[in-house]
Amino acid sequence: MATTTELTKVIVITETHFEQELLNEFRELGIKGFTCMNCWGQGHHQVYDEPFIGHSQTRIEIITTEAIAESIVDYCRQPRFESYAISAYLESVRVRDPNKFIA
């Protein structure tokens, strides 16, 4: 059986207009890569449609160290984001090649 290393996956779901700002900040925090996908849903904030892009939210997934993941969550919890649809949460994951995910 191959050995694995435990890393942290951080999932950020936010309004599409924050995507580039957040990705730029996450790169500054030290991420190596990410996956983005269009999504929609409803939670604490009302769902709305973006007439020109067809989706209102984006989901960003990053596998990284626990320290960087915590920094990402802290960034997303800034008071300036309180009135916007943005959520961030963490999951523990096991990977076979951690060098693919951390710098």
PDB file of N, CA and C in Angstrom:
ATOM      1  N   MET A   1       0.844  -1.172   0.000  1.00  0.00           N
ATOM      2  CA  MET A   1       0.000   0.000   0.000  1.00  0.00           C
ATOM      3  C   MET A   1       0.894   1.242   0.000  1.00  0.00           C
ATOM      4  N   ALA A   2       0.591   2.175  -0.860  1.00  0.00           N
ATOM      5  CA  ALA A   2       1.380   3.401  -0.971  1.00  0.00           C
ATOM      6  C   ALA A   2       1.132   4.295   0.244  1.00  0.00           C
ATOM      7  N   THR A   3       2.172   4.983   0.657  1.00  0.00           N
ATOM      8  CA  THR A   3       2.018   5.903   1.780  1.00  0.00           C
ATOM      9  C   THR A   3       1.364   7.192   1.300  1.00  0.00           C
ATOM     10  N   THR A   4       0.630   7.796   2.200  1.00  0.00           N
ATOM     11  CA  THR A   4      -0.045   9.045   1.898  1.00  0.00           C
ATOM     12  C   THR A   4       0.308  10.082   2.952  1.00  0.00           C
ATOM     13  N   THR A   5       0.077  11.313   2.607  1.00  0.00           N
ATOM     14  CA  THR A   5       0.320  12.440   3.498  1.00  0.00           C
ATOM     15  C   THR A   5      -0.981  13.187   3.696  1.00  0.00           C
ATOM     16  N   GLU A   6      -1.267  13.588   4.920  1.00  0.00           N
ATOM     17  CA  GLU A   6      -2.479  14.348   5.177  1.00  0.00           C
ATOM     18  C   GLU A   6      -2.236  15.825   4.892  1.00  0.00           C
ATOM     19  N   LEU A   7      -3.105  16.384   4.058  1.00  0.00           N
ATOM     20  CA  LEU A   7      -3.107  17.815   3.771  1.00  0.00           C
ATOM     21  C   LEU A   7      -4.510  18.339   4.030  1.00  0.00           C
ATOM     22  N   THR A   8      -4.722  19.607   3.780  1.00  0.00           N
ATOM     23  CA  THR A   8      -6.020  20.225   4.019  1.00  0.00           C
ATOM     24  C   THR A   8      -6.581  20.761   2.717  1.00  0.00           C
ATOM     25  N   LYS A   9      -7.843  20.454   2.462  1.00  0.00           N
ATOM     26  CA  LYS A   9      -8.544  21.038   1.318  1.00  0.00           C
ATOM     27  C   LYS A   9      -9.413  22.160   1.851  1.00  0.00           C
ATOM     28  N   VAL A  10      -9.240  23.331   1.278  1.00  0.00           N
ATOM     29  CA  VAL A  10     -10.096  24.462   1.629  1.00  0.00           C
ATOM     30  C   VAL A  10     -11.036  24.693   0.456  1.00  0.00           C
ATOM     31  N   ILE A  11     -12.311  24.845   0.770  1.00  0.00           N
ATOM     32  CA  ILE A  11     -13.343  25.104  -0.230  1.00  0.00           C
ATOM     33  C   ILE A  11     -13.908  26.481   0.053  1.00  0.00           C
ATOM     34  N   VAL A  12     -13.870  27.332  -0.958  1.00  0.00           N
ATOM     35  CA  VAL A  12     -14.423  28.680  -0.850  1.00  0.00           C
ATOM     36  C   VAL A  12     -15.525  28.795  -1.887  1.00  0.00           C
ATOM     37  N   ILE A  13     -16.696  29.178  -1.450  1.00  0.00           N
ATOM     38  CA  ILE A  13     -17.814  29.422  -2.361  1.00  0.00           C
ATOM     39  C   ILE A  13     -18.170  30.891  -2.220  1.00  0.00           C
ATOM     40  N   THR A  14     -18.159  31.592  -3.354  1.00  0.00           N
ATOM     41  CA  THR A  14     -18.346  33.031  -3.298  1.00  0.00           C
ATOM     42  C   THR A  14     -19.006  33.546  -4.571  1.00  0.00           C
ATOM     43  N   GLU A  15     -19.350  34.806  -4.539  1.00  0.00           N
ATOM     44  CA  GLU A  15     -19.902  35.465  -5.712  1.00  0.00           C
ATOM     45  C   GLU A  15     -18.814  35.567  -6.781  1.00  0.00           C
ATOM     46  N   THR A  16     -19.203  35.406  -8.037  1.00  0.00           N
ATOM     47  CA  THR A  16     -18.230  35.332  -9.124  1.00  0.00           C
ATOM     48  C   THR A  16     -17.336  36.563  -9.208  1.00  0.00           C
ATOM     49  N   HIS A  17     -17.829  37.722  -8.854  1.00  0.00           N
ATOM     50  CA  HIS A  17     -17.011  38.929  -9.017  1.00  0.00           C
ATOM     51  C   HIS A  17     -15.846  38.986  -8.035  1.00  0.00           C
ATOM     52  N   PHE A  18     -15.819  38.116  -7.029  1.00  0.00           N
ATOM     53  CA  PHE A  18     -14.681  38.043  -6.107  1.00  0.00           C
ATOM     54  C   PHE A  18     -13.614  37.039  -6.544  1.00  0.00           C
ATOM     55  N   GLU A  19     -13.890  36.252  -7.566  1.00  0.00           N
ATOM     56  CA  GLU A  19     -13.008  35.137  -7.923  1.00  0.00           C
ATOM     57  C   GLU A  19     -11.556  35.568  -8.138  1.00  0.00           C
ATOM     58  N   GLN A  20     -11.305  36.520  -9.011  1.00  0.00           N
ATOM     59  CA  GLN A  20      -9.921  36.907  -9.310  1.00  0.00           C
ATOM     60  C   GLN A  20      -9.227  37.540  -8.105  1.00  0.00           C
ATOM     61  N   GLU A  21      -9.930  38.371  -7.370  1.00  0.00           N
ATOM     62  CA  GLU A  21      -9.341  38.975  -6.166  1.00  0.00           C
ATOM     63  C   GLU A  21      -8.914  37.901  -5.177  1.00  0.00           C
ATOM     64  N   LEU A  22      -9.793  36.934  -4.945  1.00  0.00           N
ATOM     65  CA  LEU A  22      -9.476  35.877  -3.996  1.00  0.00           C
ATOM     66  C   LEU A  22      -8.319  35.016  -4.485  1.00  0.00           C
ATOM     67  N   LEU A  23      -8.335  34.642  -5.754  1.00  0.00           N
ATOM     68  CA  LEU A  23      -7.247  33.817  -6.277  1.00  0.00           C
ATOM     69  C   LEU A  23      -5.905  34.545  -6.177  1.00  0.00           C
ATOM     70  N   ASN A  24      -5.902  35.834  -6.467  1.00  0.00           N
ATOM     71  CA  ASN A  24      -4.663  36.609  -6.327  1.00  0.00           C
ATOM     72  C   ASN A  24      -4.176  36.597  -4.886  1.00  0.00           C
ATOM     73  N   GLU A  25      -5.081  36.774  -3.942  1.00  0.00           N
ATOM     74  CA  GLU A  25      -4.706  36.760  -2.523  1.00  0.00           C
ATOM     75  C   GLU A  25      -4.223  35.369  -2.105  1.00  0.00           C
ATOM     76  N   PHE A  26      -4.910  34.330  -2.553  1.00  0.00           N
ATOM     77  CA  PHE A  26      -4.524  32.970  -2.183  1.00  0.00           C
ATOM     78  C   PHE A  26      -3.131  32.633  -2.720  1.00  0.00           C
ATOM     79  N   ARG A  27      -2.809  33.138  -3.918  1.00  0.00           N
ATOM     80  CA  ARG A  27      -1.452  32.941  -4.451  1.00  0.00           C
ATOM     81  C   ARG A  27      -0.431  33.626  -3.542  1.00  0.00           C
ATOM     82  N   GLU A  28      -0.767  34.830  -3.069  1.00  0.00           N
ATOM     83  CA  GLU A  28       0.121  35.554  -2.150  1.00  0.00           C
ATOM     84  C   GLU A  28       0.319  34.781  -0.849  1.00  0.00           C
ATOM     85  N   LEU A  29      -0.708  34.046  -0.448  1.00  0.00           N
ATOM     86  CA  LEU A  29      -0.627  33.256   0.784  1.00  0.00           C
ATOM     87  C   LEU A  29       0.189  31.977   0.590  1.00  0.00           C
ATOM     88  N   GLY A  30       0.461  31.601  -0.669  1.00  0.00           N
ATOM     89  CA  GLY A  30       1.354  30.472  -0.907  1.00  0.00           C
ATOM     90  C   GLY A  30       0.759  29.240  -1.561  1.00  0.00           C
ATOM     91  N   ILE A  31      -0.449  29.338  -2.135  1.00  0.00           N
ATOM     92  CA  ILE A  31      -0.998  28.139  -2.772  1.00  0.00           C
ATOM     93  C   ILE A  31      -0.207  27.799  -4.030  1.00  0.00           C
ATOM     94  N   LYS A  32      -0.220  26.541  -4.388  1.00  0.00           N
ATOM     95  CA  LYS A  32       0.470  26.084  -5.593  1.00  0.00           C
ATOM     96  C   LYS A  32      -0.509  25.967  -6.762  1.00  0.00           C
ATOM     97  N   GLY A  33      -1.739  25.605  -6.470  1.00  0.00           N
ATOM     98  CA  GLY A  33      -2.738  25.429  -7.525  1.00  0.00           C
ATOM     99  C   GLY A  33      -4.136  25.491  -6.955  1.00  0.00           C
ATOM    100  N   PHE A  34      -5.110  25.425  -7.831  1.00  0.00           N
ATOM    101  CA  PHE A  34      -6.513  25.502  -7.418  1.00  0.00           C
ATOM    102  C   PHE A  34      -7.388  24.911  -8.507  1.00  0.00           C
ATOM    103  N   THR A  35      -8.639  24.661  -8.161  1.00  0.00           N
ATOM    104  CA  THR A  35      -9.665  24.268  -9.110  1.00  0.00           C
ATOM    105  C   THR A  35     -10.859  25.178  -8.882  1.00  0.00           C
ATOM    106  N   CYS A  36     -11.386  25.753  -9.965  1.00  0.00           N
ATOM    107  CA  CYS A  36     -12.582  26.604  -9.885  1.00  0.00           C
ATOM    108  C   CYS A  36     -13.690  25.975 -10.719  1.00  0.00           C
ATOM    109  N   MET A  37     -14.903  26.137 -10.236  1.00  0.00           N
ATOM    110  CA  MET A  37     -16.050  25.667 -10.999  1.00  0.00           C
ATOM    111  C   MET A  37     -17.247  26.580 -10.742  1.00  0.00           C
ATOM    112  N   ASN A  38     -18.074  26.716 -11.746  1.00  0.00           N
ATOM    113  CA  ASN A  38     -19.299  27.504 -11.611  1.00  0.00           C
ATOM    114  C   ASN A  38     -20.281  26.739 -10.749  1.00  0.00           C
ATOM    115  N   CYS A  39     -21.015  27.471  -9.943  1.00  0.00           N
ATOM    116  CA  CYS A  39     -22.019  26.818  -9.108  1.00  0.00           C
ATOM    117  C   CYS A  39     -23.126  27.805  -8.774  1.00  0.00           C
ATOM    118  N   TRP A  40     -24.135  27.302  -8.153  1.00  0.00           N
ATOM    119  CA  TRP A  40     -25.207  28.152  -7.638  1.00  0.00           C
ATOM    120  C   TRP A  40     -25.835  27.441  -6.470  1.00  0.00           C
ATOM    121  N   GLY A  41     -26.519  28.179  -5.647  1.00  0.00           N
ATOM    122  CA  GLY A  41     -27.157  27.585  -4.481  1.00  0.00           C
ATOM    123  C   GLY A  41     -27.820  28.653  -3.644  1.00  0.00           C
ATOM    124  N   GLN A  42     -28.309  28.243  -2.510  1.00  0.00           N
ATOM    125  CA  GLN A  42     -28.970  29.173  -1.616  1.00  0.00           C
ATOM    126  C   GLN A  42     -28.599  28.830  -0.195  1.00  0.00           C
ATOM    127  N   GLY A  43     -28.355  29.851   0.586  1.00  0.00           N
ATOM    128  CA  GLY A  43     -28.020  29.666   1.986  1.00  0.00           C
ATOM    129  C   GLY A  43     -28.443  30.890   2.764  1.00  0.00           C
ATOM    130  N   HIS A  44     -27.507  31.441   3.490  1.00  0.00           N
ATOM    131  CA  HIS A  44     -27.772  32.623   4.305  1.00  0.00           C
ATOM    132  C   HIS A  44     -28.142  33.828   3.442  1.00  0.00           C
ATOM    133  N   HIS A  45     -27.524  33.922   2.272  1.00  0.00           N
ATOM    134  CA  HIS A  45     -27.779  35.040   1.371  1.00  0.00           C
ATOM    135  C   HIS A  45     -28.696  34.598   0.247  1.00  0.00           C
ATOM    136  N   GLN A  46     -29.434  35.556  -0.297  1.00  0.00           N
ATOM    137  CA  GLN A  46     -30.360  35.277  -1.370  1.00  0.00           C
ATOM    138  C   GLN A  46     -29.607  34.898  -2.640  1.00  0.00           C
ATOM    139  N   VAL A  47     -30.165  33.963  -3.395  1.00  0.00           N
ATOM    140  CA  VAL A  47     -29.597  33.580  -4.675  1.00  0.00           C
ATOM    141  C   VAL A  47     -29.990  34.624  -5.708  1.00  0.00           C
ATOM    142  N   TYR A  48     -29.056  34.947  -6.576  1.00  0.00           N
ATOM    143  CA  TYR A  48     -29.369  35.844  -7.682  1.00  0.00           C
ATOM    144  C   TYR A  48     -28.705  35.313  -8.940  1.00  0.00           C
ATOM    145  N   ASP A  49     -29.208  35.736 -10.096  1.00  0.00           N
ATOM    146  CA  ASP A  49     -28.659  35.292 -11.370  1.00  0.00           C
ATOM    147  C   ASP A  49     -27.814  36.388 -11.979  1.00  0.00           C
ATOM    148  N   GLU A  50     -26.698  35.995 -12.568  1.00  0.00           N
ATOM    149  CA  GLU A  50     -25.852  36.917 -13.323  1.00  0.00           C
ATOM    150  C   GLU A  50     -26.302  36.815 -14.779  1.00  0.00           C
ATOM    151  N   PRO A  51     -26.924  37.865 -15.331  1.00  0.00           N
ATOM    152  CA  PRO A  51     -27.497  37.754 -16.675  1.00  0.00           C
ATOM    153  C   PRO A  51     -26.469  37.551 -17.787  1.00  0.00           C
ATOM    154  N   PHE A  52     -25.214  37.942 -17.585  1.00  0.00           N
ATOM    155  CA  PHE A  52     -24.238  37.877 -18.663  1.00  0.00           C
ATOM    156  C   PHE A  52     -23.311  36.667 -18.591  1.00  0.00           C
ATOM    157  N   ILE A  53     -23.208  36.021 -17.438  1.00  0.00           N
ATOM    158  CA  ILE A  53     -22.296  34.887 -17.338  1.00  0.00           C
ATOM    159  C   ILE A  53     -22.989  33.577 -16.991  1.00  0.00           C
ATOM    160  N   GLY A  54     -24.261  33.606 -16.662  1.00  0.00           N
ATOM    161  CA  GLY A  54     -25.020  32.390 -16.495  1.00  0.00           C
ATOM    162  C   GLY A  54     -24.889  31.684 -15.159  1.00  0.00           C
ATOM    163  N   HIS A  55     -24.069  32.181 -14.267  1.00  0.00           N
ATOM    164  CA  HIS A  55     -23.979  31.598 -12.933  1.00  0.00           C
ATOM    165  C   HIS A  55     -23.639  32.710 -11.954  1.00  0.00           C
ATOM    166  N   SER A  56     -24.038  32.522 -10.731  1.00  0.00           N
ATOM    167  CA  SER A  56     -23.871  33.593  -9.754  1.00  0.00           C
ATOM    168  C   SER A  56     -22.741  33.347  -8.771  1.00  0.00           C
ATOM    169  N   GLN A  57     -22.242  32.128  -8.710  1.00  0.00           N
ATOM    170  CA  GLN A  57     -21.227  31.802  -7.719  1.00  0.00           C
ATOM    171  C   GLN A  57     -20.117  30.958  -8.334  1.00  0.00           C
ATOM    172  N   THR A  58     -18.999  30.947  -7.648  1.00  0.00           N
ATOM    173  CA  THR A  58     -17.887  30.097  -8.035  1.00  0.00           C
ATOM    174  C   THR A  58     -17.428  29.304  -6.821  1.00  0.00           C
ATOM    175  N   ARG A  59     -16.979  28.111  -7.061  1.00  0.00           N
ATOM    176  CA  ARG A  59     -16.445  27.250  -6.005  1.00  0.00           C
ATOM    177  C   ARG A  59     -14.957  27.078  -6.285  1.00  0.00           C
ATOM    178  N   ILE A  60     -14.144  27.404  -5.304  1.00  0.00           N
ATOM    179  CA  ILE A  60     -12.700  27.300  -5.416  1.00  0.00           C
ATOM    180  C   ILE A  60     -12.234  26.220  -4.450  1.00  0.00           C
ATOM    181  N   GLU A  61     -11.491  25.232  -4.961  1.00  0.00           N
ATOM    182  CA  GLU A  61     -10.948  24.172  -4.115  1.00  0.00           C
ATOM    183  C   GLU A  61      -9.433  24.216  -4.189  1.00  0.00           C
ATOM    184  N   ILE A  62      -8.792  24.140  -3.027  1.00  0.00           N
ATOM    185  CA  ILE A  62      -7.345  24.199  -2.943  1.00  0.00           C
ATOM    186  C   ILE A  62      -6.887  23.135  -1.953  1.00  0.00           C
ATOM    187  N   ILE A  63      -5.930  22.321  -2.343  1.00  0.00           N
ATOM    188  CA  ILE A  63      -5.302  21.378  -1.420  1.00  0.00           C
ATOM    189  C   ILE A  63      -3.951  21.966  -1.052  1.00  0.00           C
ATOM    190  N   THR A  64      -3.723  22.118   0.238  1.00  0.00           N
ATOM    191  CA  THR A  64      -2.541  22.828   0.706  1.00  0.00           C
ATOM    192  C   THR A  64      -2.221  22.417   2.136  1.00  0.00           C
ATOM    193  N   THR A  65      -1.319  23.130   2.751  1.00  0.00           N
ATOM    194  CA  THR A  65      -1.007  22.878   4.158  1.00  0.00           C
ATOM    195  C   THR A  65      -2.118  23.431   5.039  1.00  0.00           C
ATOM    196  N   GLU A  66      -2.171  22.940   6.248  1.00  0.00           N
ATOM    197  CA  GLU A  66      -3.183  23.429   7.191  1.00  0.00           C
ATOM    198  C   GLU A  66      -2.995  24.916   7.470  1.00  0.00           C
ATOM    199  N   ALA A  67      -1.760  25.375   7.589  1.00  0.00           N
ATOM    200  CA  ALA A  67      -1.494  26.785   7.888  1.00  0.00           C
ATOM    201  C   ALA A  67      -1.990  27.703   6.778  1.00  0.00           C
ATOM    202  N   ILE A  68      -1.725  27.341   5.520  1.00  0.00           N
ATOM    203  CA  ILE A  68      -2.201  28.168   4.408  1.00  0.00           C
ATOM    204  C   ILE A  68      -3.719  28.114   4.326  1.00  0.00           C
ATOM    205  N   ALA A  69      -4.301  26.941   4.523  1.00  0.00           N
ATOM    206  CA  ALA A  69      -5.762  26.810   4.492  1.00  0.00           C
ATOM    207  C   ALA A  69      -6.412  27.682   5.562  1.00  0.00           C
ATOM    208  N   GLU A  70      -5.852  27.691   6.749  1.00  0.00           N
ATOM    209  CA  GLU A  70      -6.383  28.544   7.820  1.00  0.00           C
ATOM    210  C   GLU A  70      -6.269  30.020   7.445  1.00  0.00           C
ATOM    211  N   SER A  71      -5.176  30.407   6.801  1.00  0.00           N
ATOM    212  CA  SER A  71      -5.007  31.795   6.367  1.00  0.00           C
ATOM    213  C   SER A  71      -6.048  32.179   5.323  1.00  0.00           C
ATOM    214  N   ILE A  72      -6.392  31.240   4.454  1.00  0.00           N
ATOM    215  CA  ILE A  72      -7.424  31.491   3.444  1.00  0.00           C
ATOM    216  C   ILE A  72      -8.775  31.724   4.119  1.00  0.00           C
ATOM    217  N   VAL A  73      -9.111  30.862   5.068  1.00  0.00           N
ATOM    218  CA  VAL A  73     -10.378  31.025   5.792  1.00  0.00           C
ATOM    219  C   VAL A  73     -10.397  32.366   6.527  1.00  0.00           C
ATOM    220  N   ASP A  74      -9.295  32.718   7.168  1.00  0.00           N
ATOM    221  CA  ASP A  74      -9.215  34.009   7.864  1.00  0.00           C
ATOM    222  C   ASP A  74      -9.433  35.166   6.898  1.00  0.00           C
ATOM    223  N   TYR A  75      -8.839  35.094   5.721  1.00  0.00           N
ATOM    224  CA  TYR A  75      -9.018  36.155   4.729  1.00  0.00           C
ATOM    225  C   TYR A  75     -10.499  36.291   4.334  1.00  0.00           C
ATOM    226  N   CYS A  76     -11.159  35.153   4.153  1.00  0.00           N
ATOM    227  CA  CYS A  76     -12.569  35.161   3.740  1.00  0.00           C
ATOM    228  C   CYS A  76     -13.509  35.626   4.839  1.00  0.00           C
ATOM    229  N   ARG A  77     -13.034  35.689   6.068  1.00  0.00           N
ATOM    230  CA  ARG A  77     -13.878  36.099   7.202  1.00  0.00           C
ATOM    231  C   ARG A  77     -13.712  37.571   7.547  1.00  0.00           C
ATOM    232  N   GLN A  78     -13.080  38.339   6.684  1.00  0.00           N
ATOM    233  CA  GLN A  78     -12.913  39.765   6.925  1.00  0.00           C
ATOM    234  C   GLN A  78     -14.280  40.445   7.043  1.00  0.00           C
ATOM    235  N   PRO A  79     -14.366  41.464   7.867  1.00  0.00           N
ATOM    236  CA  PRO A  79     -15.641  42.182   7.999  1.00  0.00           C
ATOM    237  C   PRO A  79     -16.187  42.715   6.672  1.00  0.00           C
ATOM    238  N   ARG A  80     -15.325  43.068   5.738  1.00  0.00           N
ATOM    239  CA  ARG A  80     -15.818  43.619   4.468  1.00  0.00           C
ATOM    240  C   ARG A  80     -16.601  42.601   3.641  1.00  0.00           C
ATOM    241  N   PHE A  81     -16.469  41.309   3.926  1.00  0.00           N
ATOM    242  CA  PHE A  81     -17.210  40.283   3.197  1.00  0.00           C
ATOM    243  C   PHE A  81     -18.509  39.876   3.895  1.00  0.00           C
ATOM    244  N   GLU A  82     -18.798  40.428   5.070  1.00  0.00           N
ATOM    245  CA  GLU A  82     -19.955  39.975   5.857  1.00  0.00           C
ATOM    246  C   GLU A  82     -21.286  40.099   5.147  1.00  0.00           C
ATOM    247  N   SER A  83     -21.444  41.083   4.280  1.00  0.00           N
ATOM    248  CA  SER A  83     -22.740  41.269   3.614  1.00  0.00           C
ATOM    249  C   SER A  83     -22.799  40.585   2.247  1.00  0.00           C
ATOM    250  N   TYR A  84     -21.803  39.768   1.948  1.00  0.00           N
ATOM    251  CA  TYR A  84     -21.760  39.057   0.669  1.00  0.00           C
ATOM    252  C   TYR A  84     -21.872  37.554   0.890  1.00  0.00           C
ATOM    253  N   ALA A  85     -22.239  36.858  -0.178  1.00  0.00           N
ATOM    254  CA  ALA A  85     -22.313  35.395  -0.126  1.00  0.00           C
ATOM    255  C   ALA A  85     -20.901  34.844  -0.301  1.00  0.00           C
ATOM    256  N   ILE A  86     -20.268  34.512   0.817  1.00  0.00           N
ATOM    257  CA  ILE A  86     -18.945  33.896   0.781  1.00  0.00           C
ATOM    258  C   ILE A  86     -18.843  32.947   1.972  1.00  0.00           C
ATOM    259  N   SER A  87     -18.435  31.733   1.697  1.00  0.00           N
ATOM    260  CA  SER A  87     -18.222  30.781   2.785  1.00  0.00           C
ATOM    261  C   SER A  87     -16.945  30.004   2.486  1.00  0.00           C
ATOM    262  N   ALA A  88     -16.287  29.601   3.547  1.00  0.00           N
ATOM    263  CA  ALA A  88     -15.049  28.841   3.409  1.00  0.00           C
ATOM    264  C   ALA A  88     -15.030  27.772   4.486  1.00  0.00           C
ATOM    265  N   TYR A  89     -14.635  26.570   4.108  1.00  0.00           N
ATOM    266  CA  TYR A  89     -14.540  25.491   5.083  1.00  0.00           C
ATOM    267  C   TYR A  89     -13.406  24.550   4.696  1.00  0.00           C
ATOM    268  N   LEU A  90     -13.024  23.721   5.635  1.00  0.00           N
ATOM    269  CA  LEU A  90     -11.859  22.858   5.481  1.00  0.00           C
ATOM    270  C   LEU A  90     -12.246  21.386   5.550  1.00  0.00           C
ATOM    271  N   GLU A  91     -11.480  20.571   4.844  1.00  0.00           N
ATOM    272  CA  GLU A  91     -11.598  19.125   4.918  1.00  0.00           C
ATOM    273  C   GLU A  91     -10.199  18.535   4.979  1.00  0.00           C
ATOM    274  N   SER A  92     -10.030  17.472   5.703  1.00  0.00           N
ATOM    275  CA  SER A  92      -8.764  16.752   5.695  1.00  0.00           C
ATOM    276  C   SER A  92      -8.768  15.793   4.521  1.00  0.00           C
ATOM    277  N   VAL A  93      -7.663  15.758   3.795  1.00  0.00           N
ATOM    278  CA  VAL A  93      -7.526  14.843   2.658  1.00  0.00           C
ATOM    279  C   VAL A  93      -6.177  14.148   2.748  1.00  0.00           C
ATOM    280  N   ARG A  94      -6.077  13.002   2.115  1.00  0.00           N
ATOM    281  CA  ARG A  94      -4.807  12.256   2.067  1.00  0.00           C
ATOM    282  C   ARG A  94      -4.383  12.174   0.613  1.00  0.00           C
ATOM    283  N   VAL A  95      -3.113  12.499   0.363  1.00  0.00           N
ATOM    284  CA  VAL A  95      -2.587  12.493  -1.002  1.00  0.00           C
ATOM    285  C   VAL A  95      -1.332  11.635  -1.064  1.00  0.00           C
ATOM    286  N   ARG A  96      -1.057  11.101  -2.232  1.00  0.00           N
ATOM    287  CA  ARG A  96       0.149  10.276  -2.394  1.00  0.00           C
ATOM    288  C   ARG A  96       1.383  11.109  -2.711  1.00  0.00           C
ATOM    289  N   ASP A  97       1.221  12.230  -3.390  1.00  0.00           N
ATOM    290  CA  ASP A  97       2.368  13.047  -3.765  1.00  0.00           C
ATOM    291  C   ASP A  97       2.129  14.484  -3.305  1.00  0.00           C
ATOM    292  N   PRO A  98       2.503  14.802  -2.077  1.00  0.00           N
ATOM    293  CA  PRO A  98       2.229  16.154  -1.546  1.00  0.00           C
ATOM    294  C   PRO A  98       2.929  17.260  -2.324  1.00  0.00           C
ATOM    295  N   ASN A  99       4.004  16.954  -3.030  1.00  0.00           N
ATOM    296  CA  ASN A  99       4.710  17.980  -3.802  1.00  0.00           C
ATOM    297  C   ASN A  99       3.873  18.548  -4.936  1.00  0.00           C
ATOM    298  N   LYS A 100       2.856  17.827  -5.352  1.00  0.00           N
ATOM    299  CA  LYS A 100       1.956  18.352  -6.373  1.00  0.00           C
ATOM    300  C   LYS A 100       1.066  19.473  -5.830  1.00  0.00           C
ATOM    301  N   PHE A 101       0.939  19.545  -4.515  1.00  0.00           N
ATOM    302  CA  PHE A 101      -0.011  20.466  -3.906  1.00  0.00           C
ATOM    303  C   PHE A 101       0.627  21.579  -3.084  1.00  0.00           C
ATOM    304  N   ILE A 102       1.842  21.373  -2.624  1.00  0.00           N
ATOM    305  CA  ILE A 102       2.489  22.391  -1.789  1.00  0.00           C
ATOM    306  C   ILE A 102       3.820  22.787  -2.408  1.00  0.00           C
ATOM    307  N   ALA A 103       4.133  24.052  -2.231  1.00  0.00           N
ATOM    308  CA  ALA A 103       5.385  24.582  -2.827  1.00  0.00           C
ATOM    309  C   ALA A 103       6.590  24.190  -1.996  1.00  0.00           C
TER     310      ALA A 103
END
